[in-house]
């Protein structure tokens, strides 16, 4: 199906075809956040098939679709991927990228997706995909956020996206650490201990891609002097020794925005907030 929209029908929305791959990868690259690896053709293939991390099969989504917006000259200026969830019939706007996060193009793609999905609840950026975390980066993708809200979507609680460059880490004397491989999630299990074997912390990090890992979770023994961030720095220093150059972490955003000690721990260890990732919901 081809939809013509905009003044003088200058923008056309049509189904994605394999020849669009390189241009779509360029659009995705233009929105890449610090600490995120470049999206490969293989990763794009997974998201085109509707596969999400943790899904047993793409059949969890009914008829995953990808459509592109094309301008009058034939240039692809935007792309949107969406599907219907088999479990509850909800529409899922899985991913969307457009030229310079243009609000007008984003609005065209959002409207197109809603028209095709029909009258149903639609959830946008709710689930992670093979190319992204869950949640729209609302600061760096302001045009898409505005387009969603103008179309009736409501912003939901999300995550703070933090980033740390480990090549800036000041080398510290640190205790003993054990690193072993784990399968769920696929990565490394990290155990911090004193020389006498006393347990002081555990963490799981994803296996690095292009020198970048995700800190999936960490738990540290309480430190009477409040130096828990030093233990986290020790963990990061060991990861740097294993060629991890950058690390990211997602922290839940409290409903009342009253950040607690977990946020302080990461900030003191050298993490900085890059953006806030927010899912959206629109009810019929």
Protein backbone atom coordinates (compact mmCIF):
# COMPACT_ATOMS: atom_id res chain seq x y z
CA UNK A 1 0.00 0.00 0.00
CA UNK A 2 1.25 3.49 -0.88
CA UNK A 3 0.09 6.55 1.05
CA UNK A 4 0.66 10.08 -0.25
CA UNK A 5 0.77 12.78 2.37
CA UNK A 6 1.88 16.37 2.85
CA UNK A 7 1.55 19.54 0.82
CA UNK A 8 1.25 18.66 -2.81
CA UNK A 9 1.55 14.99 -1.91
CA UNK A 10 5.33 15.52 -1.66
CA UNK A 11 5.90 12.59 0.71
CA UNK A 12 5.05 8.99 -0.05
CA UNK A 13 4.90 6.16 2.49
CA UNK A 14 5.48 2.70 1.04
CA UNK A 15 6.60 -0.75 2.25
CA UNK A 16 10.30 -1.31 2.84
CA UNK A 17 12.18 -3.25 0.16
CA UNK A 18 15.69 -4.78 0.41
CA UNK A 19 17.14 -2.03 -1.78
CA UNK A 20 16.31 0.45 1.02
CA UNK A 21 18.73 -1.20 3.47
CA UNK A 22 21.74 1.12 3.19
CA UNK A 23 19.69 4.30 3.43
CA UNK A 24 17.74 2.96 6.42
CA UNK A 25 21.02 2.08 8.15
CA UNK A 26 22.16 5.67 7.56
CA UNK A 27 19.01 7.02 9.22
CA UNK A 28 19.50 4.73 12.21
CA UNK A 29 23.16 5.75 12.47
CA UNK A 30 22.14 9.40 12.56
CA UNK A 31 20.23 8.78 15.80
CA UNK A 32 22.87 6.63 17.52
CA UNK A 33 23.50 7.58 21.13
CA UNK A 34 26.96 7.62 22.75
CA UNK A 35 27.85 4.19 24.06
CA UNK A 36 25.69 2.32 21.57
CA UNK A 37 27.23 0.14 18.85
CA UNK A 38 26.60 0.78 15.18
CA UNK A 39 23.64 -1.17 13.79
CA UNK A 40 24.72 -3.88 11.34
CA UNK A 41 22.81 -5.41 8.44
CA UNK A 42 22.31 -8.52 10.56
CA UNK A 43 20.80 -6.52 13.43
CA UNK A 44 18.52 -4.71 10.98
CA UNK A 45 17.43 -8.08 9.58
CA UNK A 46 16.34 -9.20 13.04
CA UNK A 47 14.30 -6.08 13.68
CA UNK A 48 12.68 -6.27 10.23
CA UNK A 49 11.54 -9.78 11.16
CA UNK A 50 9.99 -8.46 14.37
CA UNK A 51 12.44 -10.22 16.69
CA UNK A 52 13.00 -8.62 20.09
CA UNK A 53 15.57 -9.64 22.70
CA UNK A 54 14.17 -12.42 24.88
CA UNK A 55 11.44 -13.38 22.41
CA UNK A 56 11.19 -17.10 21.76
CA UNK A 57 9.92 -16.51 18.25
CA UNK A 58 8.88 -13.71 15.94
CA UNK A 59 5.39 -15.26 15.96
CA UNK A 60 4.73 -13.29 19.17
CA UNK A 61 4.09 -10.42 16.76
CA UNK A 62 1.50 -10.58 14.01
CA UNK A 63 2.61 -9.37 10.59
CA UNK A 64 5.55 -7.14 11.57
CA UNK A 65 5.82 -4.36 9.01
CA UNK A 66 8.38 -1.77 8.05
CA UNK A 67 7.42 1.24 5.94
CA UNK A 68 9.54 4.09 4.59
CA UNK A 69 8.74 7.73 3.86
CA UNK A 70 10.08 8.95 0.50
CA UNK A 71 10.30 12.57 -0.61
CA UNK A 72 9.55 13.96 -4.07
CA UNK A 73 13.09 13.26 -5.30
CA UNK A 74 12.86 9.61 -4.29
CA UNK A 75 15.09 9.96 -1.20
CA UNK A 76 14.09 7.93 1.86
CA UNK A 77 13.57 10.44 4.67
CA UNK A 78 12.07 8.22 7.37
CA UNK A 79 11.31 4.66 8.41
CA UNK A 80 8.91 3.07 10.89
CA UNK A 81 8.60 -0.51 12.11
CA UNK A 82 5.40 -1.74 13.72
CA UNK A 83 3.31 -4.83 14.41
CA UNK A 84 0.35 -6.17 16.37
CA UNK A 85 1.03 -8.17 19.50
CA UNK A 86 -0.65 -11.58 19.29
CA UNK A 87 -1.19 -11.81 23.05
CA UNK A 88 -3.50 -8.83 23.52
CA UNK A 89 -4.00 -7.29 20.07
CA UNK A 90 -2.17 -4.10 20.97
CA UNK A 91 -0.41 -2.19 18.21
CA UNK A 92 3.32 -1.78 18.75
CA UNK A 93 5.30 1.06 17.22
CA UNK A 94 8.65 -0.68 17.56
CA UNK A 95 11.07 1.82 16.04
CA UNK A 96 11.12 5.03 14.02
CA UNK A 97 13.91 7.13 12.51
CA UNK A 98 13.78 10.12 10.20
CA UNK A 99 15.98 12.82 8.71
CA UNK A 100 17.34 15.04 11.50
CA UNK A 101 14.44 13.85 13.64
CA UNK A 102 12.12 16.04 11.55
CA UNK A 103 8.84 16.52 13.41
CA UNK A 104 6.80 16.71 10.19
CA UNK A 105 8.19 13.43 8.81
CA UNK A 106 7.84 11.76 12.21
CA UNK A 107 4.20 12.89 12.32
CA UNK A 108 3.60 11.44 8.85
CA UNK A 109 4.99 8.06 9.88
CA UNK A 110 3.09 8.00 13.19
CA UNK A 111 -0.17 8.90 11.46
CA UNK A 112 0.43 6.26 8.78
CA UNK A 113 1.06 3.60 11.41
CA UNK A 114 -2.11 4.52 13.33
CA UNK A 115 -4.24 4.41 10.19
CA UNK A 116 -2.90 0.99 9.27
CA UNK A 117 -3.21 -0.42 12.80
CA UNK A 118 -6.87 0.52 13.13
CA UNK A 119 -8.79 1.19 16.31
CA UNK A 120 -6.72 -0.38 19.08
CA UNK A 121 -4.41 0.57 21.92
CA UNK A 122 -0.97 1.40 20.53
CA UNK A 123 2.25 1.28 22.55
CA UNK A 124 5.29 3.05 21.17
CA UNK A 125 8.88 2.19 22.03
CA UNK A 126 7.69 -0.11 24.80
CA UNK A 127 9.98 -3.04 24.05
CA UNK A 128 13.69 -3.34 23.23
CA UNK A 129 14.56 -4.36 19.70
CA UNK A 130 17.65 -5.77 18.04
CA UNK A 131 18.76 -2.19 17.33
CA UNK A 132 17.74 -0.28 20.44
CA UNK A 133 16.80 -0.23 24.09
CA UNK A 134 13.15 0.23 25.01
CA UNK A 135 12.09 3.85 25.23
CA UNK A 136 12.45 6.88 22.96
CA UNK A 137 15.39 9.19 23.80
CA UNK A 138 13.19 12.22 24.38
CA UNK A 139 15.95 14.84 24.48
CA UNK A 140 17.86 13.87 21.35
CA UNK A 141 14.70 12.80 19.47
CA UNK A 142 12.54 15.79 20.35
CA UNK A 143 10.79 15.87 16.97
CA UNK A 144 9.52 12.30 17.36
CA UNK A 145 8.43 12.96 20.95
CA UNK A 146 6.41 16.00 19.85
CA UNK A 147 4.87 14.04 16.95
CA UNK A 148 3.78 11.23 19.29
CA UNK A 149 2.25 13.59 21.82
CA UNK A 150 0.44 15.55 19.08
CA UNK A 151 -1.06 12.26 17.89
CA UNK A 152 -2.50 11.54 21.35
CA UNK A 153 0.25 9.43 22.91
CA UNK A 154 0.98 9.81 26.62
CA UNK A 155 4.52 9.61 27.97
CA UNK A 156 5.10 6.78 30.46
CA UNK A 157 7.67 6.13 33.18
CA UNK A 158 11.00 5.13 31.69
CA UNK A 159 14.71 4.93 32.25
CA UNK A 160 17.69 7.19 32.70
CA UNK A 161 20.40 6.26 30.20
CA UNK A 162 23.86 6.68 31.74
CA UNK A 163 27.23 6.43 30.02
CA UNK A 164 30.85 6.17 31.16
CA UNK A 165 34.03 6.26 29.08
CA UNK A 166 36.43 3.90 30.81
CA UNK A 167 39.50 5.34 29.09
CA UNK A 168 39.02 8.35 31.39
CA UNK A 169 39.01 6.16 34.49
CA UNK A 170 41.71 6.96 37.00
CA UNK A 171 43.56 3.77 37.85
CA UNK A 172 42.96 2.70 41.43
CA UNK A 173 44.37 -0.03 43.61
CA UNK A 174 41.63 -2.62 43.75
CA UNK A 175 40.84 -5.90 45.41
CA UNK A 176 40.38 -9.31 43.93
CA UNK A 177 37.93 -9.90 41.09
CA UNK A 178 36.66 -13.01 39.29
CA UNK A 179 35.05 -12.79 35.84
CA UNK A 180 33.21 -15.73 34.31
CA UNK A 181 30.94 -16.08 31.29
CA UNK A 182 27.16 -16.29 31.75
CA UNK A 183 24.36 -17.09 29.33
CA UNK A 184 21.38 -15.05 30.58
CA UNK A 185 22.02 -12.33 29.73
CA UNK A 186 24.87 -13.27 27.42
CA UNK A 187 27.93 -11.69 28.95
CA UNK A 188 30.15 -11.72 32.02
CA UNK A 189 29.43 -12.44 35.67
CA UNK A 190 31.71 -10.31 37.83
CA UNK A 191 32.51 -11.09 41.48
CA UNK A 192 34.42 -8.66 43.69
CA UNK A 193 36.05 -10.01 46.86
CA UNK A 194 38.67 -9.11 49.41
CA UNK A 195 41.98 -10.97 49.49
CA UNK A 196 40.65 -13.07 52.36
CA UNK A 197 37.69 -14.14 50.18
CA UNK A 198 35.09 -11.84 51.76
CA UNK A 199 32.36 -11.08 49.23
CA UNK A 200 31.98 -7.35 48.51
CA UNK A 201 30.03 -7.19 45.25
CA UNK A 202 28.57 -8.84 42.16
CA UNK A 203 27.66 -7.57 38.72
CA UNK A 204 26.56 -8.77 35.29
CA UNK A 205 27.71 -6.97 32.15
CA UNK A 206 26.94 -7.73 28.53
CA UNK A 207 29.73 -9.03 26.32
CA UNK A 208 31.29 -5.96 24.68
CA UNK A 209 30.33 -4.99 21.14
CA UNK A 210 32.80 -2.60 19.53
CA UNK A 211 34.32 -2.10 22.98
CA UNK A 212 30.98 -1.16 24.59
CA UNK A 213 29.18 -3.12 27.32
CA UNK A 214 25.94 -2.68 29.25
CA UNK A 215 25.96 -2.93 33.04
CA UNK A 216 22.89 -5.14 33.47
CA UNK A 217 22.89 -5.07 37.28
CA UNK A 218 25.21 -4.66 40.24
CA UNK A 219 24.93 -5.28 43.96
CA UNK A 220 27.56 -4.11 46.46
CA UNK A 221 28.09 -4.81 50.14
CA UNK A 222 27.21 -1.76 52.29
CA UNK A 223 30.27 0.37 53.03
CA UNK A 224 30.24 2.15 56.40
CA UNK A 225 32.30 5.01 54.98
CA UNK A 226 29.97 5.46 51.99
CA UNK A 227 32.64 4.41 49.51
CA UNK A 228 30.46 2.05 47.47
CA UNK A 229 31.27 4.02 44.34
CA UNK A 230 34.93 3.03 44.81
CA UNK A 231 33.93 -0.62 44.56
CA UNK A 232 32.04 0.17 41.35
CA UNK A 233 35.14 1.96 40.02
CA UNK A 234 37.21 -1.11 40.84
CA UNK A 235 34.82 -3.25 38.83
CA UNK A 236 35.00 -0.82 35.90
CA UNK A 237 38.80 -0.71 36.05
CA UNK A 238 38.92 -4.48 35.55
CA UNK A 239 36.54 -4.22 32.61
CA UNK A 240 38.83 -1.59 31.09
CA UNK A 241 41.67 -4.07 31.40
CA UNK A 242 39.56 -6.41 29.27
CA UNK A 243 39.28 -3.85 26.46
CA UNK A 244 35.88 -2.42 27.46
CA UNK A 245 36.16 1.25 26.44
CA UNK A 246 32.63 2.40 27.23
CA UNK A 247 29.83 1.16 29.48
CA UNK A 248 26.18 2.13 29.76
CA UNK A 249 23.45 1.47 32.30
CA UNK A 250 19.68 2.03 32.51
CA UNK A 251 18.18 3.19 35.81
CA UNK A 252 14.44 3.33 36.46
CA UNK A 253 13.18 6.91 36.70
CA UNK A 254 11.27 7.28 40.01
CA UNK A 255 7.68 8.40 39.57
CA UNK A 256 8.34 11.38 41.87
CA UNK A 257 11.80 12.03 40.34
CA UNK A 258 13.35 11.73 43.80
CA UNK A 259 16.63 10.11 42.82
CA UNK A 260 18.14 7.99 45.58
CA UNK A 261 21.49 6.44 46.46
CA UNK A 262 21.65 4.22 43.36
CA UNK A 263 21.84 7.24 41.06
CA UNK A 264 24.36 8.91 43.35
CA UNK A 265 26.47 5.74 43.34
CA UNK A 266 26.73 5.75 39.54
CA UNK A 267 27.37 9.47 39.30
CA UNK A 268 30.17 9.33 41.86
CA UNK A 269 31.70 6.44 39.92
CA UNK A 270 31.83 8.60 36.77
CA UNK A 271 28.57 7.90 34.90
CA UNK A 272 26.76 10.77 33.17
CA UNK A 273 23.15 10.90 31.99
CA UNK A 274 22.95 11.00 28.20
CA UNK A 275 19.17 10.96 27.79
CA UNK A 276 15.92 9.70 29.23
CA UNK A 277 14.22 6.81 27.46
CA UNK A 278 10.42 6.95 27.55
CA UNK A 279 7.74 4.58 26.20
CA UNK A 280 4.39 6.00 25.06
CA UNK A 281 0.79 4.75 25.07
CA UNK A 282 -2.21 5.81 22.99
CA UNK A 283 -5.67 4.42 23.70
CA UNK A 284 -8.49 4.42 21.12
